[in-house]
N, C-alpha and C. Protein backbone atom coordinates (compact mmCIF):
# COMPACT_ATOMS: atom_id res chain seq x y z
N MET A 1 -41.29 167.50 -100.40
CA MET A 1 -42.57 167.43 -99.44
C MET A 1 -43.50 166.54 -100.38
N ARG A 2 -44.28 165.64 -99.74
CA ARG A 2 -45.36 164.79 -100.41
C ARG A 2 -46.48 165.57 -100.58
N SER A 3 -47.40 165.05 -101.77
CA SER A 3 -48.35 165.86 -101.90
C SER A 3 -49.59 165.27 -101.06
N PRO A 4 -50.72 165.59 -100.61
CA PRO A 4 -51.83 165.05 -99.78
C PRO A 4 -51.96 163.81 -100.28
N ARG A 5 -52.15 163.45 -101.73
CA ARG A 5 -52.62 162.22 -102.10
C ARG A 5 -51.18 161.07 -101.86
N GLU A 6 -50.00 161.62 -102.01
CA GLU A 6 -48.93 160.49 -101.46
C GLU A 6 -49.16 160.30 -99.98
N VAL A 7 -49.50 161.35 -99.22
CA VAL A 7 -49.52 161.17 -97.64
C VAL A 7 -50.71 159.91 -97.39
N VAL A 8 -51.76 160.01 -98.04
CA VAL A 8 -52.93 159.20 -97.85
C VAL A 8 -52.44 157.84 -98.26
N GLU A 9 -51.90 157.70 -99.55
CA GLU A 9 -51.57 156.63 -100.13
C GLU A 9 -50.43 155.82 -98.93
N ARG A 10 -49.48 156.52 -98.52
CA ARG A 10 -48.61 156.01 -97.57
C ARG A 10 -49.30 155.52 -96.32
N LEU A 11 -50.39 156.38 -95.75
CA LEU A 11 -50.99 155.93 -94.65
C LEU A 11 -51.85 154.63 -94.87
N VAL A 12 -52.55 154.69 -96.08
CA VAL A 12 -53.30 153.31 -96.52
C VAL A 12 -52.19 152.02 -96.42
N GLU A 13 -51.21 152.32 -97.26
CA GLU A 13 -50.17 151.20 -97.18
C GLU A 13 -49.59 150.71 -95.63
N GLY A 14 -49.56 151.67 -95.00
CA GLY A 14 -48.61 151.48 -93.60
C GLY A 14 -49.87 150.81 -93.07
N VAL A 15 -51.03 151.17 -92.90
CA VAL A 15 -51.97 150.48 -91.94
C VAL A 15 -52.23 149.05 -92.78
N SER A 16 -52.58 148.78 -94.02
CA SER A 16 -52.58 147.56 -94.63
C SER A 16 -51.59 146.66 -94.64
N HIS A 17 -50.14 147.08 -94.34
CA HIS A 17 -49.13 146.15 -94.27
C HIS A 17 -48.43 146.10 -92.81
N VAL A 18 -49.31 146.72 -91.82
CA VAL A 18 -48.87 146.63 -90.38
C VAL A 18 -47.77 147.45 -90.21
N ARG A 19 -47.55 148.49 -90.72
CA ARG A 19 -46.10 149.31 -90.45
C ARG A 19 -46.65 150.56 -89.49
N TRP A 20 -47.19 150.11 -88.31
CA TRP A 20 -47.47 151.30 -87.51
C TRP A 20 -46.67 152.34 -86.99
N ASP A 21 -45.31 151.62 -86.95
CA ASP A 21 -44.22 152.60 -86.57
C ASP A 21 -43.93 153.78 -87.50
N GLU A 22 -44.41 153.41 -88.61
CA GLU A 22 -44.02 154.51 -89.74
C GLU A 22 -44.99 155.71 -89.82
N LEU A 23 -46.24 155.32 -89.35
CA LEU A 23 -47.39 156.32 -89.60
C LEU A 23 -47.20 157.66 -88.85
N PRO A 24 -47.06 157.76 -87.61
CA PRO A 24 -46.70 158.94 -87.18
C PRO A 24 -45.71 160.03 -87.75
N GLY A 25 -44.69 159.70 -88.56
CA GLY A 25 -44.05 160.21 -89.55
C GLY A 25 -44.56 161.10 -90.58
N LEU A 26 -45.79 160.54 -91.02
CA LEU A 26 -46.60 161.06 -91.99
C LEU A 26 -47.11 162.25 -91.50
N TYR A 27 -47.26 162.51 -90.29
CA TYR A 27 -48.11 163.82 -89.66
C TYR A 27 -46.89 164.88 -89.28
N ALA A 28 -47.52 166.14 -89.37
CA ALA A 28 -46.65 167.30 -88.53
C ALA A 28 -46.64 167.14 -86.97
N GLU A 29 -45.15 167.64 -86.69
CA GLU A 29 -45.02 167.45 -85.29
C GLU A 29 -46.23 167.88 -84.47
N ASP A 30 -46.83 168.97 -84.71
CA ASP A 30 -47.92 169.64 -83.90
C ASP A 30 -49.24 169.26 -84.47
N ALA A 31 -49.31 168.08 -85.20
CA ALA A 31 -50.81 167.88 -85.88
C ALA A 31 -51.85 167.47 -84.78
N VAL A 32 -53.03 167.91 -85.22
CA VAL A 32 -54.24 167.61 -84.43
C VAL A 32 -55.13 166.81 -85.39
N VAL A 33 -55.44 165.78 -84.71
CA VAL A 33 -56.19 164.63 -85.47
C VAL A 33 -57.48 164.25 -84.86
N MET A 34 -58.65 164.36 -85.32
CA MET A 34 -59.70 164.02 -84.80
C MET A 34 -60.24 162.70 -85.51
N HIS A 35 -60.25 161.67 -84.81
CA HIS A 35 -60.60 160.47 -85.55
C HIS A 35 -62.08 160.20 -85.40
N PRO A 36 -62.99 160.07 -86.32
CA PRO A 36 -64.42 159.89 -86.41
C PRO A 36 -64.90 158.68 -85.29
N LEU A 37 -63.87 157.68 -85.23
CA LEU A 37 -64.33 156.62 -84.43
C LEU A 37 -63.88 156.49 -83.09
N ASP A 38 -63.15 157.55 -82.82
CA ASP A 38 -62.61 157.66 -81.17
C ASP A 38 -63.00 158.81 -80.47
N ARG A 39 -63.76 158.26 -79.49
CA ARG A 39 -64.69 159.16 -78.78
C ARG A 39 -63.73 159.96 -77.54
N ALA A 40 -62.45 159.71 -77.59
CA ALA A 40 -61.57 160.43 -76.57
C ALA A 40 -61.21 161.76 -76.87
N GLY A 41 -61.14 162.13 -77.99
CA GLY A 41 -61.13 163.42 -78.53
C GLY A 41 -59.78 163.47 -79.17
N PRO A 42 -59.38 164.78 -79.56
CA PRO A 42 -58.24 164.83 -80.53
C PRO A 42 -57.02 164.28 -80.20
N LEU A 43 -56.29 163.79 -80.99
CA LEU A 43 -54.97 163.39 -80.72
C LEU A 43 -53.97 164.62 -81.31
N THR A 44 -53.05 164.96 -80.29
CA THR A 44 -52.46 166.28 -80.59
C THR A 44 -51.01 165.90 -80.27
N GLY A 45 -50.11 166.33 -81.40
CA GLY A 45 -48.79 165.82 -81.59
C GLY A 45 -48.45 164.61 -81.95
N ARG A 46 -47.08 164.70 -82.55
CA ARG A 46 -46.80 163.40 -83.12
C ARG A 46 -46.50 162.38 -82.06
N GLU A 47 -46.29 162.50 -80.92
CA GLU A 47 -45.98 161.54 -79.79
C GLU A 47 -47.48 161.06 -79.53
N ALA A 48 -48.50 161.67 -79.48
CA ALA A 48 -49.66 161.10 -79.11
C ALA A 48 -50.10 160.28 -80.09
N LEU A 49 -49.70 160.60 -81.43
CA LEU A 49 -50.21 159.60 -82.63
C LEU A 49 -49.23 158.44 -82.61
N ARG A 50 -48.19 158.57 -82.09
CA ARG A 50 -47.36 157.35 -82.00
C ARG A 50 -47.69 156.51 -80.90
N ARG A 51 -48.40 156.86 -79.76
CA ARG A 51 -48.93 156.05 -78.89
C ARG A 51 -50.16 155.33 -79.46
N HIS A 52 -51.02 156.44 -80.17
CA HIS A 52 -52.14 155.72 -80.68
C HIS A 52 -51.94 154.73 -81.57
N PHE A 53 -50.97 154.59 -82.66
CA PHE A 53 -50.75 153.74 -83.42
C PHE A 53 -50.05 152.35 -82.88
N ALA A 54 -49.31 152.75 -81.74
CA ALA A 54 -48.66 151.44 -81.25
C ALA A 54 -49.80 150.75 -80.39
N ALA A 55 -50.76 151.39 -79.59
CA ALA A 55 -51.79 150.76 -79.09
C ALA A 55 -52.79 150.14 -80.04
N ALA A 56 -52.94 150.69 -81.48
CA ALA A 56 -53.79 149.95 -82.23
C ALA A 56 -53.03 148.99 -82.78
N ALA A 57 -51.64 148.53 -82.89
CA ALA A 57 -51.13 147.56 -83.20
C ALA A 57 -51.49 146.21 -82.64
N GLY A 58 -51.77 146.35 -81.29
CA GLY A 58 -51.91 145.15 -80.42
C GLY A 58 -53.59 144.72 -80.46
N ARG A 59 -54.45 145.78 -81.24
CA ARG A 59 -56.10 145.35 -80.69
C ARG A 59 -56.67 145.52 -81.96
N LEU A 60 -56.07 145.72 -83.36
CA LEU A 60 -56.89 146.06 -84.66
C LEU A 60 -56.65 144.82 -85.27
N PRO A 61 -57.79 144.43 -86.12
CA PRO A 61 -57.70 143.34 -86.95
C PRO A 61 -56.74 143.54 -88.12
N SER A 62 -56.27 142.58 -89.03
CA SER A 62 -55.79 143.00 -90.24
C SER A 62 -56.67 143.71 -91.15
N LEU A 63 -56.16 144.85 -91.67
CA LEU A 63 -56.95 145.44 -92.63
C LEU A 63 -56.33 146.07 -93.95
N VAL A 64 -56.81 145.80 -94.98
CA VAL A 64 -56.35 145.83 -96.19
C VAL A 64 -57.30 146.57 -97.30
N ALA A 65 -56.55 147.39 -97.78
CA ALA A 65 -57.39 148.44 -98.45
C ALA A 65 -57.16 147.75 -100.25
N ALA A 66 -58.32 147.23 -100.40
CA ALA A 66 -58.29 146.73 -101.92
C ALA A 66 -58.50 147.70 -103.12
N GLU A 67 -59.12 148.83 -102.85
CA GLU A 67 -59.22 149.81 -103.80
C GLU A 67 -59.55 151.32 -103.05
N VAL A 68 -58.68 152.27 -103.63
CA VAL A 68 -58.65 153.59 -102.71
C VAL A 68 -58.73 154.34 -103.93
N ARG A 69 -59.82 155.38 -103.88
CA ARG A 69 -60.23 156.37 -104.72
C ARG A 69 -60.11 157.83 -103.95
N THR A 70 -59.33 158.83 -104.69
CA THR A 70 -59.28 159.95 -104.19
C THR A 70 -59.93 160.93 -105.09
N GLY A 71 -60.32 162.00 -104.48
CA GLY A 71 -60.94 163.21 -105.23
C GLY A 71 -61.40 164.23 -104.60
N PRO A 72 -61.94 165.07 -104.97
CA PRO A 72 -62.14 166.52 -104.48
C PRO A 72 -63.06 166.12 -103.31
N ALA A 73 -62.84 166.99 -102.17
CA ALA A 73 -63.87 166.73 -101.17
C ALA A 73 -65.25 167.44 -101.54
N SER A 74 -66.29 166.52 -100.94
CA SER A 74 -67.48 167.39 -101.15
C SER A 74 -68.25 167.69 -99.95
N GLY A 75 -69.36 168.46 -100.00
CA GLY A 75 -70.08 168.81 -98.79
C GLY A 75 -70.52 170.05 -98.51
């Protein structure tokens, strides 16, 4: 099992290196993801995430994370 930090690092790597097909596997089969920039509502399940990332592959610009810092949540 990966740590939360490892999962976030793999997610950032996948987005930065345009490996959209690898990203759904980082989520639980029954994951519910509420994306802050997507007004369509939550993505429920790994298959919904697979469709989301496949669609993103064709419309998003290249994204590269130059520096990622993790720490305890605040708020």
